[in-house]
Amino acid sequence: MSGKVIKLAFNSVRFVAQVSVTGLLAVTDSDGFLPFECEVNSLLKGTNDAFTVKVGPNAVHPSGYGLGFPARIAGLQDVYLKA
């Protein structure tokens, strides 16, 4: 993987996402329902790498945030591996 930048790209996560690679925390994102990416090169071992995404509603939301959906429902849209 020399010379390549490896990223996980998320279309969106509602509300909080904790992304781990082989047991090590890569990123915590709490921007709500917006796309985000994280570079994972430094966490990859090359064999048997595992990606874990924990999604939950544990965030403070501005007034009116939620667009009519219950504040306790978490969601995850498509995730891509980019190189």
PDB file of N, CA and C in Angstrom:
ATOM      1  N   MET A   1       0.814  -1.188   0.000  1.00  0.00           N
ATOM      2  CA  MET A   1       0.000   0.000   0.000  1.00  0.00           C
ATOM      3  C   MET A   1       0.858   1.252   0.000  1.00  0.00           C
ATOM      4  N   SER A   2       2.106   1.071  -0.303  1.00  0.00           N
ATOM      5  CA  SER A   2       3.039   2.176  -0.319  1.00  0.00           C
ATOM      6  C   SER A   2       2.618   3.228  -1.340  1.00  0.00           C
ATOM      7  N   GLY A   3       2.564   4.477  -0.908  1.00  0.00           N
ATOM      8  CA  GLY A   3       2.238   5.577  -1.793  1.00  0.00           C
ATOM      9  C   GLY A   3       0.760   5.842  -1.968  1.00  0.00           C
ATOM     10  N   LYS A   4      -0.091   4.961  -1.515  1.00  0.00           N
ATOM     11  CA  LYS A   4      -1.530   5.163  -1.639  1.00  0.00           C
ATOM     12  C   LYS A   4      -2.103   5.665  -0.325  1.00  0.00           C
ATOM     13  N   VAL A   5      -3.132   6.485  -0.445  1.00  0.00           N
ATOM     14  CA  VAL A   5      -3.880   6.933   0.731  1.00  0.00           C
ATOM     15  C   VAL A   5      -5.164   6.113   0.770  1.00  0.00           C
ATOM     16  N   ILE A   6      -5.371   5.387   1.850  1.00  0.00           N
ATOM     17  CA  ILE A   6      -6.555   4.553   2.020  1.00  0.00           C
ATOM     18  C   ILE A   6      -7.519   5.279   2.958  1.00  0.00           C
ATOM     19  N   LYS A   7      -8.768   5.446   2.498  1.00  0.00           N
ATOM     20  CA  LYS A   7      -9.777   6.149   3.292  1.00  0.00           C
ATOM     21  C   LYS A   7     -11.060   5.331   3.357  1.00  0.00           C
ATOM     22  N   LEU A   8     -11.772   5.497   4.451  1.00  0.00           N
ATOM     23  CA  LEU A   8     -13.153   5.042   4.555  1.00  0.00           C
ATOM     24  C   LEU A   8     -14.019   6.268   4.335  1.00  0.00           C
ATOM     25  N   ALA A   9     -14.970   6.177   3.418  1.00  0.00           N
ATOM     26  CA  ALA A   9     -15.859   7.298   3.116  1.00  0.00           C
ATOM     27  C   ALA A   9     -17.295   6.908   3.467  1.00  0.00           C
ATOM     28  N   PHE A  10     -17.948   7.754   4.221  1.00  0.00           N
ATOM     29  CA  PHE A  10     -19.319   7.514   4.682  1.00  0.00           C
ATOM     30  C   PHE A  10     -20.251   8.517   4.021  1.00  0.00           C
ATOM     31  N   ASN A  11     -21.338   8.027   3.399  1.00  0.00           N
ATOM     32  CA  ASN A  11     -22.330   8.955   2.847  1.00  0.00           C
ATOM     33  C   ASN A  11     -22.962   9.778   3.952  1.00  0.00           C
ATOM     34  N   SER A  12     -23.305   9.135   5.048  1.00  0.00           N
ATOM     35  CA  SER A  12     -23.808   9.847   6.220  1.00  0.00           C
ATOM     36  C   SER A  12     -24.031   8.868   7.370  1.00  0.00           C
ATOM     37  N   VAL A  13     -23.975   9.421   8.565  1.00  0.00           N
ATOM     38  CA  VAL A  13     -24.253   8.660   9.779  1.00  0.00           C
ATOM     39  C   VAL A  13     -25.100   9.554  10.672  1.00  0.00           C
ATOM     40  N   ARG A  14     -26.148   9.001  11.212  1.00  0.00           N
ATOM     41  CA  ARG A  14     -26.984   9.750  12.131  1.00  0.00           C
ATOM     42  C   ARG A  14     -26.933   9.022  13.458  1.00  0.00           C
ATOM     43  N   PHE A  15     -26.405   9.515  14.462  1.00  0.00           N
ATOM     44  CA  PHE A  15     -25.925  10.839  14.794  1.00  0.00           C
ATOM     45  C   PHE A  15     -24.419  10.800  15.062  1.00  0.00           C
ATOM     46  N   VAL A  16     -23.979   9.821  15.821  1.00  0.00           N
ATOM     47  CA  VAL A  16     -22.563   9.719  16.189  1.00  0.00           C
ATOM     48  C   VAL A  16     -21.996   8.413  15.647  1.00  0.00           C
ATOM     49  N   ALA A  17     -20.792   8.474  15.070  1.00  0.00           N
ATOM     50  CA  ALA A  17     -20.128   7.271  14.579  1.00  0.00           C
ATOM     51  C   ALA A  17     -18.748   7.173  15.199  1.00  0.00           C
ATOM     52  N   GLN A  18     -18.409   5.993  15.677  1.00  0.00           N
ATOM     53  CA  GLN A  18     -17.056   5.688  16.130  1.00  0.00           C
ATOM     54  C   GLN A  18     -16.528   4.608  15.193  1.00  0.00           C
ATOM     55  N   VAL A  19     -15.475   4.952  14.460  1.00  0.00           N
ATOM     56  CA  VAL A  19     -14.908   4.050  13.468  1.00  0.00           C
ATOM     57  C   VAL A  19     -13.584   3.512  13.989  1.00  0.00           C
ATOM     58  N   SER A  20     -13.448   2.186  14.037  1.00  0.00           N
ATOM     59  CA  SER A  20     -12.216   1.548  14.489  1.00  0.00           C
ATOM     60  C   SER A  20     -11.676   0.649  13.380  1.00  0.00           C
ATOM     61  N   VAL A  21     -10.356   0.534  13.335  1.00  0.00           N
ATOM     62  CA  VAL A  21      -9.685  -0.357  12.402  1.00  0.00           C
ATOM     63  C   VAL A  21      -8.824  -1.295  13.234  1.00  0.00           C
ATOM     64  N   THR A  22      -9.118  -2.571  13.156  1.00  0.00           N
ATOM     65  CA  THR A  22      -8.410  -3.601  13.914  1.00  0.00           C
ATOM     66  C   THR A  22      -8.312  -3.229  15.397  1.00  0.00           C
ATOM     67  N   GLY A  23      -9.422  -2.749  15.949  1.00  0.00           N
ATOM     68  CA  GLY A  23      -9.507  -2.441  17.368  1.00  0.00           C
ATOM     69  C   GLY A  23      -8.992  -1.074  17.786  1.00  0.00           C
ATOM     70  N   LEU A  24      -8.438  -0.297  16.859  1.00  0.00           N
ATOM     71  CA  LEU A  24      -7.919   1.035  17.185  1.00  0.00           C
ATOM     72  C   LEU A  24      -8.849   2.103  16.634  1.00  0.00           C
ATOM     73  N   LEU A  25      -9.199   3.089  17.471  1.00  0.00           N
ATOM     74  CA  LEU A  25     -10.113   4.144  17.063  1.00  0.00           C
ATOM     75  C   LEU A  25      -9.494   4.979  15.953  1.00  0.00           C
ATOM     76  N   ALA A  26     -10.188   5.079  14.831  1.00  0.00           N
ATOM     77  CA  ALA A  26      -9.723   5.876  13.693  1.00  0.00           C
ATOM     78  C   ALA A  26     -10.316   7.277  13.735  1.00  0.00           C
ATOM     79  N   VAL A  27     -11.612   7.376  14.050  1.00  0.00           N
ATOM     80  CA  VAL A  27     -12.277   8.684  14.070  1.00  0.00           C
ATOM     81  C   VAL A  27     -13.598   8.563  14.822  1.00  0.00           C
ATOM     82  N   THR A  28     -13.989   9.667  15.442  1.00  0.00           N
ATOM     83  CA  THR A  28     -15.336   9.828  15.983  1.00  0.00           C
ATOM     84  C   THR A  28     -15.948  11.008  15.253  1.00  0.00           C
ATOM     85  N   ASP A  29     -17.108  10.823  14.666  1.00  0.00           N
ATOM     86  CA  ASP A  29     -17.783  11.890  13.931  1.00  0.00           C
ATOM     87  C   ASP A  29     -19.152  12.108  14.532  1.00  0.00           C
ATOM     88  N   SER A  30     -19.482  13.369  14.790  1.00  0.00           N
ATOM     89  CA  SER A  30     -20.786  13.683  15.374  1.00  0.00           C
ATOM     90  C   SER A  30     -21.445  14.859  14.661  1.00  0.00           C
ATOM     91  N   ASP A  31     -21.204  14.986  13.364  1.00  0.00           N
ATOM     92  CA  ASP A  31     -21.777  16.094  12.593  1.00  0.00           C
ATOM     93  C   ASP A  31     -23.212  15.855  12.172  1.00  0.00           C
ATOM     94  N   GLY A  32     -23.807  14.783  12.621  1.00  0.00           N
ATOM     95  CA  GLY A  32     -25.205  14.549  12.291  1.00  0.00           C
ATOM     96  C   GLY A  32     -25.373  13.648  11.101  1.00  0.00           C
ATOM     97  N   PHE A  33     -25.915  14.175  10.032  1.00  0.00           N
ATOM     98  CA  PHE A  33     -26.264  13.367   8.868  1.00  0.00           C
ATOM     99  C   PHE A  33     -25.504  13.852   7.644  1.00  0.00           C
ATOM    100  N   LEU A  34     -24.201  14.123   7.811  1.00  0.00           N
ATOM    101  CA  LEU A  34     -23.368  14.662   6.740  1.00  0.00           C
ATOM    102  C   LEU A  34     -22.303  13.651   6.327  1.00  0.00           C
ATOM    103  N   PRO A  35     -21.827  13.709   5.080  1.00  0.00           N
ATOM    104  CA  PRO A  35     -20.750  12.832   4.636  1.00  0.00           C
ATOM    105  C   PRO A  35     -19.441  13.144   5.364  1.00  0.00           C
ATOM    106  N   PHE A  36     -18.601  12.122   5.542  1.00  0.00           N
ATOM    107  CA  PHE A  36     -17.258  12.340   6.081  1.00  0.00           C
ATOM    108  C   PHE A  36     -16.357  11.198   5.651  1.00  0.00           C
ATOM    109  N   GLU A  37     -15.042  11.441   5.734  1.00  0.00           N
ATOM    110  CA  GLU A  37     -14.034  10.448   5.384  1.00  0.00           C
ATOM    111  C   GLU A  37     -12.997  10.395   6.482  1.00  0.00           C
ATOM    112  N   CYS A  38     -12.303   9.259   6.575  1.00  0.00           N
ATOM    113  CA  CYS A  38     -11.169   9.167   7.493  1.00  0.00           C
ATOM    114  C   CYS A  38     -10.064   8.339   6.850  1.00  0.00           C
ATOM    115  N   GLU A  39      -8.842   8.815   6.978  1.00  0.00           N
ATOM    116  CA  GLU A  39      -7.681   8.111   6.461  1.00  0.00           C
ATOM    117  C   GLU A  39      -7.298   7.023   7.450  1.00  0.00           C
ATOM    118  N   VAL A  40      -7.005   5.825   6.938  1.00  0.00           N
ATOM    119  CA  VAL A  40      -6.752   4.690   7.821  1.00  0.00           C
ATOM    120  C   VAL A  40      -5.385   4.034   7.599  1.00  0.00           C
ATOM    121  N   ASN A  41      -4.540   4.628   6.767  1.00  0.00           N
ATOM    122  CA  ASN A  41      -3.236   4.023   6.448  1.00  0.00           C
ATOM    123  C   ASN A  41      -2.454   3.589   7.683  1.00  0.00           C
ATOM    124  N   SER A  42      -2.358   4.458   8.657  1.00  0.00           N
ATOM    125  CA  SER A  42      -1.512   4.179   9.821  1.00  0.00           C
ATOM    126  C   SER A  42      -2.060   3.050  10.691  1.00  0.00           C
ATOM    127  N   LEU A  43      -3.329   2.677  10.500  1.00  0.00           N
ATOM    128  CA  LEU A  43      -3.957   1.640  11.317  1.00  0.00           C
ATOM    129  C   LEU A  43      -3.995   0.277  10.639  1.00  0.00           C
ATOM    130  N   LEU A  44      -3.671   0.234   9.355  1.00  0.00           N
ATOM    131  CA  LEU A  44      -3.713  -1.023   8.612  1.00  0.00           C
ATOM    132  C   LEU A  44      -2.460  -1.845   8.864  1.00  0.00           C
ATOM    133  N   LYS A  45      -2.664  -3.133   9.085  1.00  0.00           N
ATOM    134  CA  LYS A  45      -1.549  -4.041   9.311  1.00  0.00           C
ATOM    135  C   LYS A  45      -1.234  -4.848   8.054  1.00  0.00           C
ATOM    136  N   GLY A  46      -2.177  -4.894   7.117  1.00  0.00           N
ATOM    137  CA  GLY A  46      -1.947  -5.583   5.855  1.00  0.00           C
ATOM    138  C   GLY A  46      -2.633  -6.929   5.735  1.00  0.00           C
ATOM    139  N   THR A  47      -2.886  -7.590   6.843  1.00  0.00           N
ATOM    140  CA  THR A  47      -3.604  -8.868   6.815  1.00  0.00           C
ATOM    141  C   THR A  47      -4.624  -8.880   7.943  1.00  0.00           C
ATOM    142  N   ASN A  48      -5.773  -9.435   7.668  1.00  0.00           N
ATOM    143  CA  ASN A  48      -6.845  -9.578   8.663  1.00  0.00           C
ATOM    144  C   ASN A  48      -7.270  -8.257   9.292  1.00  0.00           C
ATOM    145  N   ASP A  49      -7.222  -7.163   8.531  1.00  0.00           N
ATOM    146  CA  ASP A  49      -7.703  -5.883   9.047  1.00  0.00           C
ATOM    147  C   ASP A  49      -9.229  -5.907   9.128  1.00  0.00           C
ATOM    148  N   ALA A  50      -9.767  -5.407  10.216  1.00  0.00           N
ATOM    149  CA  ALA A  50     -11.220  -5.384  10.410  1.00  0.00           C
ATOM    150  C   ALA A  50     -11.669  -3.958  10.685  1.00  0.00           C
ATOM    151  N   PHE A  51     -12.781  -3.569  10.056  1.00  0.00           N
ATOM    152  CA  PHE A  51     -13.364  -2.254  10.269  1.00  0.00           C
ATOM    153  C   PHE A  51     -14.623  -2.406  11.107  1.00  0.00           C
ATOM    154  N   THR A  52     -14.743  -1.589  12.133  1.00  0.00           N
ATOM    155  CA  THR A  52     -15.920  -1.604  12.997  1.00  0.00           C
ATOM    156  C   THR A  52     -16.497  -0.201  13.056  1.00  0.00           C
ATOM    157  N   VAL A  53     -17.817  -0.096  12.886  1.00  0.00           N
ATOM    158  CA  VAL A  53     -18.494   1.196  12.975  1.00  0.00           C
ATOM    159  C   VAL A  53     -19.581   1.073  14.030  1.00  0.00           C
ATOM    160  N   LYS A  54     -19.458   1.872  15.083  1.00  0.00           N
ATOM    161  CA  LYS A  54     -20.499   1.939  16.110  1.00  0.00           C
ATOM    162  C   LYS A  54     -21.295   3.213  15.853  1.00  0.00           C
ATOM    163  N   VAL A  55     -22.610   3.061  15.767  1.00  0.00           N
ATOM    164  CA  VAL A  55     -23.499   4.185  15.476  1.00  0.00           C
ATOM    165  C   VAL A  55     -24.462   4.327  16.636  1.00  0.00           C
ATOM    166  N   GLY A  56     -24.648   5.560  17.096  1.00  0.00           N
ATOM    167  CA  GLY A  56     -25.564   5.772  18.208  1.00  0.00           C
ATOM    168  C   GLY A  56     -26.107   7.173  18.267  1.00  0.00           C
ATOM    169  N   PRO A  57     -27.112   7.379  19.074  1.00  0.00           N
ATOM    170  CA  PRO A  57     -27.768   8.680  19.187  1.00  0.00           C
ATOM    171  C   PRO A  57     -27.164   9.578  20.266  1.00  0.00           C
ATOM    172  N   ASN A  58     -26.010   9.238  20.800  1.00  0.00           N
ATOM    173  CA  ASN A  58     -25.461   9.976  21.937  1.00  0.00           C
ATOM    174  C   ASN A  58     -24.774  11.264  21.508  1.00  0.00           C
ATOM    175  N   ALA A  59     -25.563  12.248  21.162  1.00  0.00           N
ATOM    176  CA  ALA A  59     -25.028  13.554  20.763  1.00  0.00           C
ATOM    177  C   ALA A  59     -26.002  14.635  21.207  1.00  0.00           C
ATOM    178  N   VAL A  60     -25.488  15.822  21.340  1.00  0.00           N
ATOM    179  CA  VAL A  60     -26.335  16.974  21.654  1.00  0.00           C
ATOM    180  C   VAL A  60     -26.762  17.584  20.329  1.00  0.00           C
ATOM    181  N   HIS A  61     -28.048  17.736  20.134  1.00  0.00           N
ATOM    182  CA  HIS A  61     -28.564  18.222  18.865  1.00  0.00           C
ATOM    183  C   HIS A  61     -29.145  19.620  19.032  1.00  0.00           C
ATOM    184  N   PRO A  62     -28.896  20.502  18.059  1.00  0.00           N
ATOM    185  CA  PRO A  62     -29.487  21.836  18.119  1.00  0.00           C
ATOM    186  C   PRO A  62     -31.006  21.757  18.103  1.00  0.00           C
ATOM    187  N   SER A  63     -31.645  22.775  18.598  1.00  0.00           N
ATOM    188  CA  SER A  63     -33.103  22.823  18.611  1.00  0.00           C
ATOM    189  C   SER A  63     -33.646  22.650  17.198  1.00  0.00           C
ATOM    190  N   GLY A  64     -34.616  21.776  17.034  1.00  0.00           N
ATOM    191  CA  GLY A  64     -35.230  21.549  15.739  1.00  0.00           C
ATOM    192  C   GLY A  64     -34.524  20.501  14.901  1.00  0.00           C
ATOM    193  N   TYR A  65     -33.373  20.058  15.323  1.00  0.00           N
ATOM    194  CA  TYR A  65     -32.634  19.049  14.567  1.00  0.00           C
ATOM    195  C   TYR A  65     -33.355  17.721  14.684  1.00  0.00           C
ATOM    196  N   GLY A  66     -33.465  17.000  13.653  1.00  0.00           N
ATOM    197  CA  GLY A  66     -34.144  15.715  13.670  1.00  0.00           C
ATOM    198  C   GLY A  66     -35.169  15.609  12.565  1.00  0.00           C
ATOM    199  N   LEU A  67     -35.614  16.734  12.047  1.00  0.00           N
ATOM    200  CA  LEU A  67     -36.491  16.779  10.882  1.00  0.00           C
ATOM    201  C   LEU A  67     -37.697  15.852  10.996  1.00  0.00           C
ATOM    202  N   GLY A  68     -38.256  15.771  12.188  1.00  0.00           N
ATOM    203  CA  GLY A  68     -39.449  14.966  12.384  1.00  0.00           C
ATOM    204  C   GLY A  68     -39.195  13.520  12.741  1.00  0.00           C
ATOM    205  N   PHE A  69     -37.936  13.095  12.729  1.00  0.00           N
ATOM    206  CA  PHE A  69     -37.607  11.724  13.114  1.00  0.00           C
ATOM    207  C   PHE A  69     -37.333  11.673  14.605  1.00  0.00           C
ATOM    208  N   PRO A  70     -37.665  10.589  15.271  1.00  0.00           N
ATOM    209  CA  PRO A  70     -37.349  10.475  16.695  1.00  0.00           C
ATOM    210  C   PRO A  70     -35.844  10.624  16.922  1.00  0.00           C
ATOM    211  N   ALA A  71     -35.463  11.367  17.934  1.00  0.00           N
ATOM    212  CA  ALA A  71     -34.055  11.663  18.209  1.00  0.00           C
ATOM    213  C   ALA A  71     -33.262  10.428  18.611  1.00  0.00           C
ATOM    214  N   ARG A  72     -33.917   9.339  18.933  1.00  0.00           N
ATOM    215  CA  ARG A  72     -33.218   8.145  19.400  1.00  0.00           C
ATOM    216  C   ARG A  72     -32.925   7.139  18.285  1.00  0.00           C
ATOM    217  N   ILE A  73     -33.295   7.433  17.044  1.00  0.00           N
ATOM    218  CA  ILE A  73     -33.057   6.498  15.949  1.00  0.00           C
ATOM    219  C   ILE A  73     -31.739   6.859  15.270  1.00  0.00           C
ATOM    220  N   ALA A  74     -30.801   5.923  15.279  1.00  0.00           N
ATOM    221  CA  ALA A  74     -29.517   6.122  14.616  1.00  0.00           C
ATOM    222  C   ALA A  74     -29.572   5.466  13.243  1.00  0.00           C
ATOM    223  N   GLY A  75     -28.719   5.924  12.328  1.00  0.00           N
ATOM    224  CA  GLY A  75     -28.733   5.351  10.993  1.00  0.00           C
ATOM    225  C   GLY A  75     -27.376   5.444  10.334  1.00  0.00           C
ATOM    226  N   LEU A  76     -27.138   4.542   9.398  1.00  0.00           N
ATOM    227  CA  LEU A  76     -25.869   4.493   8.664  1.00  0.00           C
ATOM    228  C   LEU A  76     -26.197   4.275   7.197  1.00  0.00           C
ATOM    229  N   GLN A  77     -25.683   5.168   6.332  1.00  0.00           N
ATOM    230  CA  GLN A  77     -25.822   4.966   4.900  1.00  0.00           C
ATOM    231  C   GLN A  77     -24.565   4.323   4.346  1.00  0.00           C
ATOM    232  N   ASP A  78     -24.433   4.246   3.047  1.00  0.00           N
ATOM    233  CA  ASP A  78     -23.346   3.523   2.399  1.00  0.00           C
ATOM    234  C   ASP A  78     -21.952   3.949   2.872  1.00  0.00           C
ATOM    235  N   VAL A  79     -21.050   2.958   2.944  1.00  0.00           N
ATOM    236  CA  VAL A  79     -19.655   3.172   3.329  1.00  0.00           C
ATOM    237  C   VAL A  79     -18.786   2.627   2.197  1.00  0.00           C
ATOM    238  N   TYR A  80     -17.749   3.389   1.828  1.00  0.00           N
ATOM    239  CA  TYR A  80     -16.865   2.996   0.735  1.00  0.00           C
ATOM    240  C   TYR A  80     -15.415   2.984   1.206  1.00  0.00           C
ATOM    241  N   LEU A  81     -14.623   2.114   0.624  1.00  0.00           N
ATOM    242  CA  LEU A  81     -13.188   2.095   0.819  1.00  0.00           C
ATOM    243  C   LEU A  81     -12.573   2.742  -0.409  1.00  0.00           C
ATOM    244  N   LYS A  82     -11.784   3.818  -0.186  1.00  0.00           N
ATOM    245  CA  LYS A  82     -11.164   4.542  -1.291  1.00  0.00           C
ATOM    246  C   LYS A  82      -9.654   4.387  -1.235  1.00  0.00           C
ATOM    247  N   ALA A  83      -9.029   4.209  -2.398  1.00  0.00           N
ATOM    248  CA  ALA A  83      -7.570   4.113  -2.455  1.00  0.00           C
ATOM    249  C   ALA A  83      -7.071   5.020  -3.556  1.00  0.00           C
TER     250      ALA A  83
END
